[in-house]
Amino acid sequence: MHLEKPLDEGVKVEVLFHVGNCTVRSKARMMFPMWATQGLLQPFEFDNLAEAERQQLESDLRRLLQGANPAPVIEEQPSETISPSDPA
C-alpha cells in the first residue's frame, strides 16, 4: 500500500482491491513500512486468504506482470552446415 503516514506494524486491517478479474477482500496484518520518494510503501500479510482467492490472485498477477514485461522473443537462426565435400 502507498500511504502518507505509516500504520503501526502488526495493526490488523481489512484490505479490498482489484487485480484483473479478481476482487480481494481479506483481513491482513500490516508489516514494517518502507519510505518511498513520496510518502511510504507499507507491505501487508494476509491473515486467512482462502485458497481459491489466493490462486485467482496469483493467476491475475502473473497475467498482469507478463503484459507489463513480455517475455523476450528469441528468433532461431538457421544453422549452417558444412558437408565434407565443401572446400575449406
N, C-alpha and C. Protein backbone atom coordinates (compact mmCIF):
# COMPACT_ATOMS: atom_id res chain seq x y z
N MET A 1 0.83 -1.17 0.00
CA MET A 1 0.00 0.00 0.00
C MET A 1 0.87 1.24 0.00
N HIS A 2 0.40 2.27 -0.64
CA HIS A 2 1.08 3.56 -0.63
C HIS A 2 0.32 4.46 0.33
N LEU A 3 0.98 4.90 1.40
CA LEU A 3 0.34 5.70 2.44
C LEU A 3 1.11 6.98 2.70
N GLU A 4 0.40 8.02 3.17
CA GLU A 4 1.08 9.25 3.56
C GLU A 4 1.71 9.11 4.93
N LYS A 5 1.02 8.44 5.85
CA LYS A 5 1.52 8.22 7.21
C LYS A 5 1.48 6.72 7.49
N PRO A 6 2.53 6.20 8.12
CA PRO A 6 2.57 4.75 8.36
C PRO A 6 1.56 4.30 9.41
N LEU A 7 1.13 3.07 9.25
CA LEU A 7 0.35 2.41 10.28
C LEU A 7 1.32 1.60 11.12
N ASP A 8 0.98 1.40 12.36
CA ASP A 8 1.85 0.63 13.23
C ASP A 8 1.98 -0.80 12.72
N GLU A 9 3.18 -1.32 12.83
CA GLU A 9 3.42 -2.70 12.45
C GLU A 9 2.56 -3.60 13.33
N GLY A 10 1.92 -4.59 12.71
CA GLY A 10 1.09 -5.53 13.44
C GLY A 10 -0.38 -5.15 13.51
N VAL A 11 -0.72 -3.92 13.10
CA VAL A 11 -2.13 -3.49 13.12
C VAL A 11 -2.90 -4.38 12.16
N LYS A 12 -4.09 -4.81 12.59
CA LYS A 12 -4.93 -5.65 11.74
C LYS A 12 -5.89 -4.75 10.97
N VAL A 13 -5.99 -5.00 9.67
CA VAL A 13 -6.83 -4.20 8.78
C VAL A 13 -7.63 -5.14 7.88
N GLU A 14 -8.56 -4.55 7.15
CA GLU A 14 -9.24 -5.27 6.09
C GLU A 14 -8.85 -4.60 4.79
N VAL A 15 -8.36 -5.39 3.83
CA VAL A 15 -7.95 -4.84 2.53
C VAL A 15 -8.98 -5.23 1.49
N LEU A 16 -9.18 -4.33 0.55
CA LEU A 16 -10.09 -4.57 -0.56
C LEU A 16 -9.44 -3.94 -1.79
N PHE A 17 -9.17 -4.76 -2.80
CA PHE A 17 -8.56 -4.24 -4.02
C PHE A 17 -8.91 -5.16 -5.19
N HIS A 18 -8.70 -4.63 -6.39
CA HIS A 18 -8.99 -5.36 -7.63
C HIS A 18 -7.71 -5.57 -8.42
N VAL A 19 -7.55 -6.76 -8.95
CA VAL A 19 -6.45 -7.08 -9.86
C VAL A 19 -7.05 -7.92 -10.98
N GLY A 20 -7.04 -7.39 -12.20
CA GLY A 20 -7.66 -8.12 -13.31
C GLY A 20 -9.13 -8.39 -13.01
N ASN A 21 -9.53 -9.65 -13.08
CA ASN A 21 -10.91 -10.04 -12.79
C ASN A 21 -11.12 -10.39 -11.33
N CYS A 22 -10.08 -10.32 -10.55
CA CYS A 22 -10.11 -10.76 -9.16
C CYS A 22 -10.36 -9.58 -8.21
N THR A 23 -11.30 -9.73 -7.32
CA THR A 23 -11.52 -8.77 -6.24
C THR A 23 -11.15 -9.48 -4.95
N VAL A 24 -10.21 -8.90 -4.23
CA VAL A 24 -9.76 -9.49 -2.97
C VAL A 24 -10.29 -8.66 -1.83
N ARG A 25 -10.92 -9.32 -0.89
CA ARG A 25 -11.37 -8.68 0.36
C ARG A 25 -10.98 -9.64 1.46
N SER A 26 -10.02 -9.22 2.29
CA SER A 26 -9.50 -10.13 3.29
C SER A 26 -8.94 -9.35 4.47
N LYS A 27 -8.81 -10.04 5.57
CA LYS A 27 -8.13 -9.49 6.75
C LYS A 27 -6.63 -9.58 6.50
N ALA A 28 -5.91 -8.58 7.00
CA ALA A 28 -4.46 -8.57 6.81
C ALA A 28 -3.80 -7.93 8.03
N ARG A 29 -2.49 -8.11 8.12
CA ARG A 29 -1.68 -7.54 9.20
C ARG A 29 -0.61 -6.68 8.56
N MET A 30 -0.50 -5.44 9.03
CA MET A 30 0.48 -4.51 8.46
C MET A 30 1.88 -4.91 8.90
N MET A 31 2.82 -4.75 7.96
CA MET A 31 4.22 -5.04 8.24
C MET A 31 4.99 -3.72 8.32
N PHE A 32 6.30 -3.80 8.55
CA PHE A 32 7.12 -2.60 8.73
C PHE A 32 7.12 -1.74 7.47
N PRO A 33 6.84 -0.43 7.58
CA PRO A 33 6.79 0.46 6.41
C PRO A 33 8.16 0.73 5.82
N MET A 34 8.16 1.05 4.52
CA MET A 34 9.39 1.41 3.80
C MET A 34 9.18 2.78 3.17
N TRP A 35 10.06 3.72 3.47
CA TRP A 35 9.92 5.06 2.92
C TRP A 35 10.18 5.05 1.43
N ALA A 36 9.37 5.81 0.71
CA ALA A 36 9.49 5.94 -0.75
C ALA A 36 9.69 7.42 -1.07
N THR A 37 9.78 7.75 -2.34
CA THR A 37 10.01 9.13 -2.76
C THR A 37 8.92 10.06 -2.25
N GLN A 38 7.67 9.64 -2.39
CA GLN A 38 6.54 10.44 -1.91
C GLN A 38 5.73 9.56 -0.97
N GLY A 39 5.73 9.86 0.29
CA GLY A 39 5.01 9.03 1.25
C GLY A 39 5.80 7.78 1.55
N LEU A 40 5.10 6.69 1.73
CA LEU A 40 5.77 5.44 2.02
C LEU A 40 4.98 4.26 1.49
N LEU A 41 5.66 3.16 1.38
CA LEU A 41 5.03 1.90 0.99
C LEU A 41 4.97 1.02 2.23
N GLN A 42 3.83 0.40 2.46
CA GLN A 42 3.71 -0.45 3.63
C GLN A 42 3.16 -1.81 3.21
N PRO A 43 4.01 -2.82 3.31
CA PRO A 43 3.55 -4.16 2.95
C PRO A 43 2.57 -4.69 3.99
N PHE A 44 1.80 -5.66 3.57
CA PHE A 44 0.87 -6.32 4.48
C PHE A 44 0.92 -7.81 4.22
N GLU A 45 0.43 -8.56 5.19
CA GLU A 45 0.39 -10.01 5.09
C GLU A 45 -1.05 -10.45 5.32
N PHE A 46 -1.56 -11.26 4.40
CA PHE A 46 -2.93 -11.76 4.57
C PHE A 46 -3.00 -12.64 5.82
N ASP A 47 -4.12 -12.52 6.55
CA ASP A 47 -4.33 -13.38 7.72
C ASP A 47 -4.88 -14.74 7.33
N ASN A 48 -5.90 -14.74 6.51
CA ASN A 48 -6.53 -16.02 6.15
C ASN A 48 -7.17 -15.94 4.78
N LEU A 49 -6.36 -15.75 3.77
CA LEU A 49 -6.86 -15.68 2.40
C LEU A 49 -7.24 -17.10 1.96
N ALA A 50 -8.46 -17.26 1.49
CA ALA A 50 -8.93 -18.58 1.05
C ALA A 50 -8.08 -19.07 -0.13
N GLU A 51 -7.88 -20.36 -0.23
CA GLU A 51 -7.02 -20.94 -1.27
C GLU A 51 -7.52 -20.58 -2.67
N ALA A 52 -8.81 -20.60 -2.90
CA ALA A 52 -9.35 -20.26 -4.22
C ALA A 52 -9.04 -18.80 -4.57
N GLU A 53 -9.18 -17.90 -3.59
CA GLU A 53 -8.85 -16.48 -3.83
C GLU A 53 -7.35 -16.31 -4.07
N ARG A 54 -6.52 -17.03 -3.32
CA ARG A 54 -5.08 -16.94 -3.49
C ARG A 54 -4.66 -17.38 -4.89
N GLN A 55 -5.26 -18.47 -5.37
CA GLN A 55 -4.93 -18.97 -6.71
C GLN A 55 -5.39 -18.00 -7.78
N GLN A 56 -6.58 -17.43 -7.63
CA GLN A 56 -7.08 -16.46 -8.61
C GLN A 56 -6.21 -15.21 -8.62
N LEU A 57 -5.82 -14.73 -7.43
CA LEU A 57 -4.96 -13.55 -7.33
C LEU A 57 -3.61 -13.83 -7.97
N GLU A 58 -3.03 -14.98 -7.69
CA GLU A 58 -1.74 -15.34 -8.29
C GLU A 58 -1.83 -15.38 -9.81
N SER A 59 -2.88 -15.99 -10.33
CA SER A 59 -3.08 -16.08 -11.78
C SER A 59 -3.22 -14.70 -12.41
N ASP A 60 -4.03 -13.83 -11.82
CA ASP A 60 -4.24 -12.48 -12.36
C ASP A 60 -2.97 -11.64 -12.26
N LEU A 61 -2.20 -11.79 -11.17
CA LEU A 61 -0.94 -11.06 -11.06
C LEU A 61 0.06 -11.52 -12.10
N ARG A 62 0.11 -12.81 -12.37
CA ARG A 62 1.01 -13.32 -13.42
C ARG A 62 0.66 -12.71 -14.76
N ARG A 63 -0.64 -12.71 -15.11
CA ARG A 63 -1.06 -12.14 -16.39
C ARG A 63 -0.72 -10.65 -16.47
N LEU A 64 -0.93 -9.94 -15.38
CA LEU A 64 -0.63 -8.51 -15.34
C LEU A 64 0.87 -8.28 -15.53
N LEU A 65 1.71 -9.03 -14.85
CA LEU A 65 3.16 -8.86 -14.97
C LEU A 65 3.67 -9.29 -16.33
N GLN A 66 3.09 -10.32 -16.91
CA GLN A 66 3.51 -10.75 -18.25
C GLN A 66 3.15 -9.70 -19.28
N GLY A 67 2.03 -9.03 -19.10
CA GLY A 67 1.64 -7.96 -20.02
C GLY A 67 2.55 -6.75 -19.91
N ALA A 68 3.04 -6.47 -18.71
CA ALA A 68 3.93 -5.33 -18.49
C ALA A 68 5.35 -5.64 -18.94
N ASN A 69 5.76 -6.86 -18.79
CA ASN A 69 7.11 -7.29 -19.15
C ASN A 69 7.03 -8.54 -20.02
N PRO A 70 6.70 -8.37 -21.29
CA PRO A 70 6.58 -9.56 -22.13
C PRO A 70 7.89 -10.30 -22.21
N ALA A 71 7.78 -11.60 -22.31
CA ALA A 71 8.98 -12.43 -22.41
C ALA A 71 9.74 -12.08 -23.68
N PRO A 72 11.07 -12.08 -23.61
CA PRO A 72 11.84 -11.76 -24.82
C PRO A 72 11.60 -12.79 -25.91
N VAL A 73 11.55 -12.30 -27.14
CA VAL A 73 11.35 -13.18 -28.29
C VAL A 73 12.72 -13.61 -28.78
N ILE A 74 12.93 -14.90 -28.84
CA ILE A 74 14.20 -15.43 -29.31
C ILE A 74 13.96 -16.02 -30.69
N GLU A 75 14.63 -15.42 -31.67
CA GLU A 75 14.48 -15.91 -33.03
C GLU A 75 15.58 -16.92 -33.30
N GLU A 76 15.17 -18.05 -33.81
CA GLU A 76 16.15 -19.07 -34.13
C GLU A 76 16.74 -18.78 -35.50
N GLN A 77 18.04 -18.83 -35.60
CA GLN A 77 18.74 -18.64 -36.86
C GLN A 77 19.02 -20.02 -37.44
N PRO A 78 18.83 -20.16 -38.74
CA PRO A 78 19.15 -21.46 -39.34
C PRO A 78 20.64 -21.73 -39.18
N SER A 79 20.96 -22.93 -38.80
CA SER A 79 22.38 -23.26 -38.64
C SER A 79 22.97 -23.63 -39.99
N GLU A 80 24.19 -23.23 -40.17
CA GLU A 80 24.89 -23.55 -41.41
C GLU A 80 25.62 -24.87 -41.21
N THR A 81 25.46 -25.72 -42.19
CA THR A 81 26.18 -26.99 -42.11
C THR A 81 27.18 -27.04 -43.25
N ILE A 82 28.28 -27.60 -42.97
CA ILE A 82 29.31 -27.75 -43.98
C ILE A 82 29.48 -29.24 -44.23
N SER A 83 29.27 -29.59 -45.46
CA SER A 83 29.43 -31.02 -45.78
C SER A 83 30.91 -31.31 -46.03
N PRO A 84 31.32 -32.56 -45.86
CA PRO A 84 32.72 -32.91 -46.04
C PRO A 84 33.24 -32.59 -47.43
N SER A 85 32.38 -32.48 -48.44
CA SER A 85 32.85 -32.22 -49.79
C SER A 85 33.07 -30.72 -50.07
N ASP A 86 32.61 -29.84 -49.17
CA ASP A 86 32.80 -28.40 -49.36
C ASP A 86 34.26 -28.03 -49.11
N PRO A 87 34.83 -27.19 -49.98
CA PRO A 87 36.22 -26.76 -49.74
C PRO A 87 36.30 -25.82 -48.54
N ALA A 88 37.35 -25.85 -47.81
CA ALA A 88 37.50 -25.03 -46.62
C ALA A 88 38.17 -23.73 -46.93
